[in-house]
Structures are given as C-alpha cells and as structure tokens.
Amino acid sequence: MNWDLVEGKWKQMKGQIREKWGNLTDDDLEMIAGKRDQLIGRLQVRYGIAKEEAAKQVDEFADSLRPKEKELKRAAHQS
C-alpha cells in the first residue's frame, strides 16, 4: 500500500493504529504523525522488537487496509 494514503488519513486511522498496537500512547501517535519510520521506531521502543519485525508489522497493517480502501472506492462510485 502507498504509505502516503495512511499519512494523509492519519487522524482517521489513529483509532485503528491504537487497536493494533495498544501500547502506543497519545503522545506517540502525535509524534508519529503518519510517518512510517516514526511508527516503526516507536514500535521498537514500546514492544522491544527488532526494526525488521516492526517494519513487517507496519507493512502487514497497511496491506490489511487495502480491501477496505477498495470497498470505499466501490461504494463511492455506486452513489
């Protein structure tokens, strides 16, 4: 997935990010501000995981949003 989409909709996605990674604080989310590298870094700190694992989780999360994105586009075209 294009990370620009996540970054552009960061405020709307913060809830989903918090559901996925509950150890992230509101301050973390504000600091991350949609930046992929910042999210990876905070996941490393909060969960004690390697950079590669954090990047994998972030990419899997972004990829999981793809079907929702397609559904939204389809619904918009039908109206």
Foldseek 3Di string as FASTA:
>chain_A
DPLVVCLVCVVVCVVVVCVVPVQQDPVLSVVCSSPLVSQLVVCCVRVVDDSVVSNVVSVVVVVVCVVVVVVVVVVVVVD
